[in-house]
């Protein structure tokens, strides 16, 4: 947010919904909708550089506290793309990756469960170790199997 000091100078009344875009004569620096009780202020473009003075820049980040559903911790968020449980992913990856890579992923998964690293850090590590192509193929294969499996009520999962 930028807070500015505005120097109005000599003011003229500009009727509401007027298409006026310049002062009516050179003696006016700005305009208002009502001289007695202004609610709209106009600084003419010819006066902007001399009559609008930036003074403060305010930046802030809105907290997620007090926003109802958004108060959940990062670990409880459900992914909104195709996904599979990490233990299942690790088991499947073990068919394609060397043992040391699987051990590294397993250790980091344990760190994630113990809240030593974030979910995003875990995902990034798995992507770096396994590669996006392999991960996409495994997740798509898992998704196809989930769609084909009937649920306990006899209907197919979607």
N, C-alpha and C. Protein backbone atom coordinates (compact mmCIF):
# COMPACT_ATOMS: atom_id res chain seq x y z
N UNK A 1 0.85 -1.14 0.00
CA UNK A 1 0.00 0.00 0.00
C UNK A 1 0.91 1.22 0.00
N UNK A 2 0.57 2.21 -0.77
CA UNK A 2 1.34 3.43 -0.87
C UNK A 2 0.52 4.57 -0.28
N UNK A 3 1.05 5.23 0.74
CA UNK A 3 0.37 6.38 1.33
C UNK A 3 1.02 7.64 0.78
N UNK A 4 0.17 8.56 0.31
CA UNK A 4 0.67 9.77 -0.32
C UNK A 4 0.10 11.00 0.36
N UNK A 5 0.86 12.09 0.28
CA UNK A 5 0.36 13.40 0.68
C UNK A 5 -0.11 14.07 -0.60
N UNK A 6 -1.33 14.62 -0.57
CA UNK A 6 -1.88 15.28 -1.75
C UNK A 6 -2.05 16.76 -1.44
N UNK A 7 -1.46 17.59 -2.28
CA UNK A 7 -1.61 19.04 -2.15
C UNK A 7 -2.69 19.44 -3.15
N UNK A 8 -3.81 19.91 -2.63
CA UNK A 8 -4.93 20.23 -3.50
C UNK A 8 -4.76 21.57 -4.21
N UNK A 9 -4.14 22.53 -3.56
CA UNK A 9 -3.97 23.84 -4.19
C UNK A 9 -5.31 24.54 -4.36
N UNK A 10 -5.47 25.24 -5.46
CA UNK A 10 -6.71 25.96 -5.76
C UNK A 10 -7.71 24.96 -6.33
N UNK A 11 -8.90 24.84 -5.68
CA UNK A 11 -9.87 23.80 -6.00
C UNK A 11 -11.05 24.37 -6.77
N UNK A 12 -11.53 23.61 -7.74
CA UNK A 12 -12.76 23.97 -8.45
C UNK A 12 -13.79 22.86 -8.28
N UNK A 13 -15.05 23.19 -8.36
CA UNK A 13 -16.12 22.20 -8.27
C UNK A 13 -16.28 21.53 -9.64
N UNK A 14 -16.34 20.20 -9.61
CA UNK A 14 -16.55 19.42 -10.83
C UNK A 14 -17.83 18.62 -10.62
N UNK A 15 -18.85 18.86 -11.43
CA UNK A 15 -20.13 18.16 -11.24
C UNK A 15 -19.96 16.63 -11.33
N UNK A 16 -20.78 15.94 -10.55
CA UNK A 16 -20.76 14.48 -10.56
C UNK A 16 -21.08 13.96 -11.97
N UNK A 17 -20.43 12.90 -12.38
CA UNK A 17 -20.56 12.28 -13.70
C UNK A 17 -20.09 13.18 -14.84
N UNK A 18 -19.35 14.22 -14.50
CA UNK A 18 -18.79 15.09 -15.52
C UNK A 18 -17.68 14.34 -16.26
N UNK A 19 -17.53 14.62 -17.52
CA UNK A 19 -16.45 14.02 -18.30
C UNK A 19 -15.25 14.95 -18.38
N UNK A 20 -15.23 15.95 -17.55
CA UNK A 20 -14.13 16.91 -17.53
C UNK A 20 -12.84 16.20 -17.12
N UNK A 21 -11.78 16.38 -17.90
CA UNK A 21 -10.52 15.72 -17.60
C UNK A 21 -9.36 16.70 -17.49
N UNK A 22 -9.65 17.98 -17.54
CA UNK A 22 -8.65 19.03 -17.38
C UNK A 22 -9.27 20.16 -16.58
N UNK A 23 -8.44 21.00 -15.96
CA UNK A 23 -9.02 22.14 -15.23
C UNK A 23 -9.73 23.08 -16.21
N UNK A 24 -10.76 23.75 -15.72
CA UNK A 24 -11.51 24.66 -16.59
C UNK A 24 -10.68 25.88 -16.96
N UNK A 25 -9.72 26.25 -16.10
CA UNK A 25 -8.76 27.30 -16.44
C UNK A 25 -7.47 27.06 -15.67
N UNK A 26 -6.41 27.76 -16.02
CA UNK A 26 -5.09 27.51 -15.45
C UNK A 26 -4.98 27.79 -13.96
N UNK A 27 -5.92 28.56 -13.41
CA UNK A 27 -5.79 28.91 -11.99
C UNK A 27 -6.14 27.75 -11.04
N UNK A 28 -6.79 26.67 -11.55
CA UNK A 28 -7.18 25.55 -10.69
C UNK A 28 -6.17 24.41 -10.77
N UNK A 29 -5.86 23.85 -9.58
CA UNK A 29 -4.93 22.73 -9.49
C UNK A 29 -5.63 21.38 -9.34
N UNK A 30 -6.84 21.40 -8.79
CA UNK A 30 -7.55 20.15 -8.52
C UNK A 30 -9.05 20.41 -8.51
N UNK A 31 -9.81 19.32 -8.39
CA UNK A 31 -11.25 19.46 -8.36
C UNK A 31 -11.86 18.59 -7.27
N UNK A 32 -13.08 18.96 -6.86
CA UNK A 32 -13.84 18.18 -5.88
C UNK A 32 -15.28 18.11 -6.35
N UNK A 33 -16.01 17.12 -5.83
CA UNK A 33 -17.40 16.98 -6.23
C UNK A 33 -18.30 18.00 -5.54
N UNK A 34 -17.91 18.44 -4.34
CA UNK A 34 -18.72 19.40 -3.57
C UNK A 34 -17.77 20.28 -2.77
N UNK A 35 -17.79 21.57 -3.01
CA UNK A 35 -16.86 22.48 -2.33
C UNK A 35 -17.08 22.50 -0.82
N UNK A 36 -18.34 22.38 -0.37
CA UNK A 36 -18.65 22.46 1.06
C UNK A 36 -18.28 21.17 1.79
N UNK A 37 -18.55 20.03 1.18
CA UNK A 37 -18.30 18.74 1.83
C UNK A 37 -17.82 17.73 0.78
N UNK A 38 -16.56 17.82 0.38
CA UNK A 38 -16.08 16.95 -0.71
C UNK A 38 -15.94 15.49 -0.29
N UNK A 39 -16.32 14.59 -1.21
CA UNK A 39 -16.09 13.16 -0.99
C UNK A 39 -15.24 12.57 -2.12
N UNK A 40 -15.19 13.24 -3.25
CA UNK A 40 -14.36 12.82 -4.39
C UNK A 40 -13.38 13.95 -4.70
N UNK A 41 -12.10 13.56 -4.82
CA UNK A 41 -11.05 14.53 -5.10
C UNK A 41 -10.41 14.20 -6.45
N UNK A 42 -10.11 15.23 -7.22
CA UNK A 42 -9.48 15.05 -8.53
C UNK A 42 -8.21 15.88 -8.56
N UNK A 43 -7.10 15.22 -8.91
CA UNK A 43 -5.86 15.95 -9.16
C UNK A 43 -5.63 15.83 -10.66
N UNK A 44 -5.58 16.95 -11.34
CA UNK A 44 -5.43 16.94 -12.79
C UNK A 44 -4.08 16.36 -13.18
N UNK A 45 -4.04 15.69 -14.30
CA UNK A 45 -2.81 15.03 -14.74
C UNK A 45 -1.65 16.00 -14.89
N UNK A 46 -1.93 17.24 -15.23
CA UNK A 46 -0.86 18.23 -15.37
C UNK A 46 -0.23 18.59 -14.02
N UNK A 47 -0.90 18.25 -12.91
CA UNK A 47 -0.40 18.58 -11.57
C UNK A 47 0.04 17.34 -10.78
N UNK A 48 -0.08 16.16 -11.35
CA UNK A 48 0.18 14.94 -10.58
C UNK A 48 1.60 14.89 -10.02
N UNK A 49 2.60 15.22 -10.82
CA UNK A 49 3.99 15.10 -10.35
C UNK A 49 4.34 16.09 -9.26
N UNK A 50 3.64 17.20 -9.19
CA UNK A 50 3.96 18.22 -8.18
C UNK A 50 2.99 18.22 -7.00
N UNK A 51 1.81 17.62 -7.16
CA UNK A 51 0.80 17.69 -6.11
C UNK A 51 0.53 16.35 -5.40
N UNK A 52 1.09 15.25 -5.89
CA UNK A 52 0.95 13.95 -5.22
C UNK A 52 2.35 13.51 -4.80
N UNK A 53 2.55 13.42 -3.48
CA UNK A 53 3.87 13.12 -2.93
C UNK A 53 3.83 11.80 -2.18
N UNK A 54 4.44 10.73 -2.72
CA UNK A 54 4.48 9.45 -2.00
C UNK A 54 5.27 9.61 -0.71
N UNK A 55 4.72 9.13 0.41
CA UNK A 55 5.41 9.27 1.69
C UNK A 55 5.76 7.95 2.35
N UNK A 56 4.87 6.95 2.28
CA UNK A 56 5.11 5.69 2.97
C UNK A 56 4.69 4.52 2.09
N UNK A 57 5.46 3.44 2.18
CA UNK A 57 5.06 2.17 1.58
C UNK A 57 4.81 1.22 2.73
N UNK A 58 3.62 0.65 2.77
CA UNK A 58 3.26 -0.29 3.83
C UNK A 58 3.02 -1.65 3.18
N UNK A 59 3.71 -2.66 3.69
CA UNK A 59 3.47 -4.01 3.19
C UNK A 59 3.16 -4.91 4.38
N UNK A 60 2.30 -5.88 4.15
CA UNK A 60 1.93 -6.81 5.22
C UNK A 60 1.48 -8.11 4.60
N UNK A 61 1.51 -9.15 5.41
CA UNK A 61 1.02 -10.46 4.99
C UNK A 61 -0.14 -10.81 5.90
N UNK A 62 -1.26 -11.15 5.30
CA UNK A 62 -2.43 -11.50 6.08
C UNK A 62 -2.20 -12.84 6.77
N UNK A 63 -2.52 -12.91 8.03
CA UNK A 63 -2.37 -14.14 8.80
C UNK A 63 -3.50 -15.09 8.47
N UNK A 64 -3.24 -16.38 8.54
CA UNK A 64 -4.30 -17.36 8.28
C UNK A 64 -5.13 -17.62 9.53
N UNK A 65 -4.70 -17.10 10.70
CA UNK A 65 -5.49 -17.30 11.91
C UNK A 65 -6.81 -16.56 11.80
N UNK A 66 -7.86 -17.20 12.28
CA UNK A 66 -9.17 -16.58 12.28
C UNK A 66 -9.90 -16.72 10.96
N UNK A 67 -9.43 -17.57 10.07
CA UNK A 67 -10.09 -17.72 8.78
C UNK A 67 -10.83 -19.04 8.67
N UNK A 68 -11.29 -19.58 9.76
CA UNK A 68 -12.11 -20.80 9.73
C UNK A 68 -11.37 -22.00 9.19
N UNK A 69 -11.80 -22.51 8.03
CA UNK A 69 -11.25 -23.74 7.46
C UNK A 69 -9.77 -23.64 7.13
N UNK A 70 -9.26 -22.44 6.91
CA UNK A 70 -7.86 -22.30 6.53
C UNK A 70 -6.92 -22.42 7.71
N UNK A 71 -7.44 -22.67 8.90
CA UNK A 71 -6.59 -22.78 10.09
C UNK A 71 -5.95 -24.15 10.21
N UNK A 72 -6.31 -25.08 9.34
CA UNK A 72 -5.73 -26.41 9.42
C UNK A 72 -4.24 -26.34 9.17
N UNK A 73 -3.52 -27.27 9.78
CA UNK A 73 -2.07 -27.30 9.58
C UNK A 73 -1.75 -27.79 8.18
N UNK A 74 -0.53 -27.52 7.76
CA UNK A 74 -0.12 -27.88 6.42
C UNK A 74 -0.20 -29.38 6.19
N UNK A 75 0.07 -30.18 7.23
CA UNK A 75 0.09 -31.63 7.06
C UNK A 75 -1.30 -32.21 6.85
N UNK A 76 -2.37 -31.47 7.21
CA UNK A 76 -3.71 -32.02 7.06
C UNK A 76 -4.36 -31.63 5.74
N UNK A 77 -3.67 -30.83 4.93
CA UNK A 77 -4.25 -30.46 3.64
C UNK A 77 -4.28 -31.65 2.71
N UNK A 78 -5.36 -31.78 1.97
CA UNK A 78 -5.47 -32.86 1.00
C UNK A 78 -5.05 -32.32 -0.36
N UNK A 79 -4.20 -33.04 -1.09
CA UNK A 79 -3.79 -32.56 -2.41
C UNK A 79 -4.99 -32.45 -3.33
N UNK A 80 -4.96 -31.49 -4.25
CA UNK A 80 -6.08 -31.31 -5.16
C UNK A 80 -5.77 -31.87 -6.55
N UNK A 81 -4.66 -32.56 -6.71
CA UNK A 81 -4.34 -33.22 -7.97
C UNK A 81 -4.29 -34.72 -7.73
N UNK A 82 -4.04 -35.48 -8.82
CA UNK A 82 -3.90 -36.93 -8.63
C UNK A 82 -2.79 -37.19 -7.63
N UNK A 83 -3.00 -38.13 -6.71
CA UNK A 83 -2.01 -38.41 -5.68
C UNK A 83 -2.17 -39.84 -5.21
N UNK A 84 -1.23 -40.26 -4.41
CA UNK A 84 -1.31 -41.57 -3.77
C UNK A 84 -0.61 -41.48 -2.43
N UNK A 85 -0.96 -42.32 -1.47
CA UNK A 85 -0.32 -42.26 -0.15
C UNK A 85 1.19 -42.48 -0.28
N UNK A 86 1.98 -41.75 0.53
CA UNK A 86 3.43 -41.87 0.46
C UNK A 86 3.94 -43.29 0.69
N UNK A 87 3.42 -44.03 1.68
CA UNK A 87 3.92 -45.41 1.85
C UNK A 87 3.74 -46.25 0.59
N UNK A 88 2.59 -46.08 -0.09
CA UNK A 88 2.35 -46.81 -1.33
C UNK A 88 3.31 -46.34 -2.42
N UNK A 89 3.54 -45.04 -2.49
CA UNK A 89 4.47 -44.49 -3.47
C UNK A 89 5.88 -45.02 -3.24
N UNK A 90 6.31 -45.04 -1.99
CA UNK A 90 7.67 -45.52 -1.67
C UNK A 90 7.81 -46.99 -2.05
N UNK A 91 6.79 -47.80 -1.75
CA UNK A 91 6.83 -49.22 -2.11
C UNK A 91 6.95 -49.38 -3.63
N UNK A 92 6.17 -48.61 -4.37
CA UNK A 92 6.21 -48.69 -5.83
C UNK A 92 7.55 -48.19 -6.37
N UNK A 93 8.06 -47.09 -5.80
CA UNK A 93 9.35 -46.55 -6.25
C UNK A 93 10.48 -47.54 -6.02
N UNK A 94 10.36 -48.39 -5.00
CA UNK A 94 11.43 -49.35 -4.69
C UNK A 94 11.64 -50.35 -5.82
N UNK A 95 10.66 -50.48 -6.71
CA UNK A 95 10.80 -51.37 -7.86
C UNK A 95 11.65 -50.74 -8.96
N UNK A 96 11.85 -49.41 -8.89
CA UNK A 96 12.52 -48.70 -9.96
C UNK A 96 13.82 -48.00 -9.53
N UNK A 97 13.94 -47.69 -8.25
CA UNK A 97 15.09 -46.91 -7.78
C UNK A 97 16.03 -47.75 -6.94
N UNK A 98 17.31 -47.36 -6.86
CA UNK A 98 18.26 -48.09 -6.02
C UNK A 98 17.92 -47.96 -4.54
N UNK A 99 18.43 -48.89 -3.75
CA UNK A 99 18.11 -48.97 -2.32
C UNK A 99 18.44 -47.66 -1.59
N UNK A 100 19.61 -47.05 -1.88
CA UNK A 100 19.99 -45.83 -1.16
C UNK A 100 19.01 -44.69 -1.43
N UNK A 101 18.46 -44.62 -2.64
CA UNK A 101 17.47 -43.59 -2.96
C UNK A 101 16.19 -43.82 -2.17
N UNK A 102 15.77 -45.08 -2.07
CA UNK A 102 14.55 -45.41 -1.31
C UNK A 102 14.76 -45.12 0.17
N UNK A 103 15.95 -45.43 0.69
CA UNK A 103 16.24 -45.15 2.10
C UNK A 103 16.21 -43.65 2.37
N UNK A 104 16.73 -42.85 1.43
CA UNK A 104 16.69 -41.39 1.58
C UNK A 104 15.25 -40.89 1.61
N UNK A 105 14.43 -41.38 0.68
CA UNK A 105 13.02 -40.98 0.64
C UNK A 105 12.32 -41.43 1.92
N UNK A 106 12.58 -42.65 2.37
CA UNK A 106 11.97 -43.16 3.61
C UNK A 106 12.35 -42.34 4.82
N UNK A 107 13.64 -41.96 4.92
CA UNK A 107 14.10 -41.13 6.04
C UNK A 107 13.40 -39.77 6.03
N UNK A 108 13.30 -39.18 4.84
CA UNK A 108 12.63 -37.88 4.74
C UNK A 108 11.14 -37.99 5.00
N UNK A 109 10.52 -39.11 4.62
CA UNK A 109 9.11 -39.31 4.94
C UNK A 109 8.93 -39.39 6.45
N UNK A 110 9.85 -40.06 7.12
CA UNK A 110 9.82 -40.13 8.59
C UNK A 110 10.00 -38.74 9.20
N UNK A 111 10.93 -37.96 8.65
CA UNK A 111 11.13 -36.58 9.12
C UNK A 111 9.86 -35.75 8.95
N UNK A 112 9.17 -35.96 7.83
CA UNK A 112 7.92 -35.25 7.58
C UNK A 112 6.87 -35.63 8.63
N UNK A 113 6.73 -36.94 8.90
CA UNK A 113 5.76 -37.39 9.90
C UNK A 113 6.09 -36.84 11.29
N UNK A 114 7.37 -36.64 11.57
CA UNK A 114 7.80 -36.08 12.86
C UNK A 114 7.89 -34.55 12.82
N UNK A 115 7.37 -33.96 11.75
CA UNK A 115 7.30 -32.50 11.58
C UNK A 115 8.67 -31.82 11.57
N UNK A 116 9.67 -32.52 11.08
CA UNK A 116 11.00 -31.93 10.95
C UNK A 116 11.15 -31.21 9.61
N UNK A 117 10.38 -31.65 8.61
CA UNK A 117 10.36 -30.98 7.31
C UNK A 117 8.90 -30.81 6.89
N UNK A 118 8.66 -29.90 5.96
CA UNK A 118 7.29 -29.65 5.48
C UNK A 118 6.93 -30.65 4.39
N UNK A 119 5.65 -30.73 4.11
CA UNK A 119 5.16 -31.60 3.03
C UNK A 119 5.78 -31.17 1.71
N UNK A 120 5.86 -29.86 1.50
CA UNK A 120 6.43 -29.34 0.25
C UNK A 120 7.89 -29.75 0.10
N UNK A 121 8.65 -29.73 1.21
CA UNK A 121 10.05 -30.16 1.16
C UNK A 121 10.16 -31.64 0.82
N UNK A 122 9.27 -32.45 1.40
CA UNK A 122 9.27 -33.88 1.10
C UNK A 122 8.97 -34.12 -0.37
N UNK A 123 7.95 -33.45 -0.88
CA UNK A 123 7.58 -33.61 -2.29
C UNK A 123 8.74 -33.21 -3.19
N UNK A 124 9.39 -32.09 -2.88
CA UNK A 124 10.51 -31.63 -3.70
C UNK A 124 11.64 -32.65 -3.70
N UNK A 125 11.94 -33.23 -2.54
CA UNK A 125 13.00 -34.24 -2.47
C UNK A 125 12.64 -35.46 -3.32
N UNK A 126 11.40 -35.94 -3.20
CA UNK A 126 10.97 -37.11 -3.97
C UNK A 126 11.05 -36.80 -5.46
N UNK A 127 10.65 -35.61 -5.86
CA UNK A 127 10.75 -35.21 -7.28
C UNK A 127 12.19 -35.20 -7.75
N UNK A 128 13.10 -34.68 -6.90
CA UNK A 128 14.52 -34.62 -7.28
C UNK A 128 15.13 -36.01 -7.39
N UNK A 129 14.76 -36.91 -6.48
CA UNK A 129 15.35 -38.26 -6.47
C UNK A 129 14.75 -39.13 -7.57
N UNK A 130 13.42 -39.13 -7.69
CA UNK A 130 12.75 -40.05 -8.61
C UNK A 130 12.58 -39.47 -10.01
N UNK A 131 12.42 -38.17 -10.11
CA UNK A 131 12.16 -37.55 -11.40
C UNK A 131 10.67 -37.48 -11.68
N UNK A 132 10.27 -36.40 -12.33
CA UNK A 132 8.84 -36.17 -12.59
C UNK A 132 8.22 -37.22 -13.51
N UNK A 133 8.97 -37.68 -14.52
CA UNK A 133 8.39 -38.65 -15.47
C UNK A 133 8.01 -39.95 -14.76
N UNK A 134 8.91 -40.47 -13.94
CA UNK A 134 8.62 -41.70 -13.21
C UNK A 134 7.46 -41.49 -12.24
N UNK A 135 7.47 -40.38 -11.52
CA UNK A 135 6.38 -40.11 -10.57
C UNK A 135 5.04 -40.01 -11.27
N UNK A 136 5.01 -39.30 -12.40
CA UNK A 136 3.74 -39.16 -13.13
C UNK A 136 3.24 -40.52 -13.61
N UNK A 137 4.14 -41.34 -14.11
CA UNK A 137 3.73 -42.67 -14.59
C UNK A 137 3.17 -43.52 -13.44
N UNK A 138 3.84 -43.49 -12.29
CA UNK A 138 3.39 -44.28 -11.14
C UNK A 138 2.04 -43.78 -10.63
N UNK A 139 1.89 -42.47 -10.51
CA UNK A 139 0.64 -41.91 -9.99
C UNK A 139 -0.51 -42.17 -10.95
N UNK A 140 -0.27 -42.02 -12.26
CA UNK A 140 -1.33 -42.30 -13.24
C UNK A 140 -1.73 -43.78 -13.20
N UNK A 141 -0.75 -44.65 -13.07
CA UNK A 141 -1.04 -46.08 -12.98
C UNK A 141 -1.87 -46.38 -11.73
N UNK A 142 -1.49 -45.77 -10.61
CA UNK A 142 -2.23 -45.94 -9.35
C UNK A 142 -3.66 -45.44 -9.51
N UNK A 143 -3.82 -44.29 -10.15
CA UNK A 143 -5.14 -43.69 -10.35
C UNK A 143 -6.02 -44.61 -11.20
N UNK A 144 -5.44 -45.16 -12.27
CA UNK A 144 -6.22 -46.08 -13.13
C UNK A 144 -6.68 -47.30 -12.33
N UNK A 145 -5.81 -47.83 -11.48
CA UNK A 145 -6.18 -48.99 -10.66
C UNK A 145 -7.29 -48.62 -9.68
N UNK A 146 -7.24 -47.41 -9.12
CA UNK A 146 -8.27 -46.98 -8.17
C UNK A 146 -9.63 -46.85 -8.85
N UNK A 147 -9.64 -46.37 -10.07
CA UNK A 147 -10.90 -46.20 -10.80
C UNK A 147 -11.51 -47.55 -11.14
N UNK A 148 -10.67 -48.53 -11.47
CA UNK A 148 -11.16 -49.85 -11.87
C UNK A 148 -11.61 -50.70 -10.69
N UNK A 149 -11.12 -50.42 -9.47
CA UNK A 149 -11.47 -51.23 -8.30
C UNK A 149 -12.87 -50.89 -7.81
N UNK A 150 -13.75 -51.87 -7.64
CA UNK A 150 -15.06 -51.57 -7.05
C UNK A 150 -14.90 -51.30 -5.56
N UNK A 151 -15.71 -50.39 -5.06
CA UNK A 151 -15.68 -50.09 -3.63
C UNK A 151 -16.50 -51.14 -2.89
N UNK A 152 -16.57 -51.02 -1.57
CA UNK A 152 -17.26 -52.01 -0.74
C UNK A 152 -18.75 -52.09 -1.05
N UNK A 153 -19.35 -51.03 -1.62
CA UNK A 153 -20.78 -51.07 -1.92
C UNK A 153 -21.05 -51.56 -3.34
N UNK A 154 -20.00 -52.02 -4.04
CA UNK A 154 -20.19 -52.57 -5.37
C UNK A 154 -20.06 -51.55 -6.49
N UNK A 155 -19.95 -50.26 -6.14
CA UNK A 155 -19.80 -49.23 -7.15
C UNK A 155 -18.32 -48.97 -7.39
N UNK A 156 -17.98 -48.46 -8.55
CA UNK A 156 -16.59 -48.16 -8.86
C UNK A 156 -16.17 -46.84 -8.23
N UNK A 157 -14.94 -46.79 -7.73
CA UNK A 157 -14.41 -45.54 -7.17
C UNK A 157 -14.14 -44.56 -8.29
N UNK A 158 -14.44 -43.31 -8.05
CA UNK A 158 -14.11 -42.24 -9.00
C UNK A 158 -13.36 -41.17 -8.30
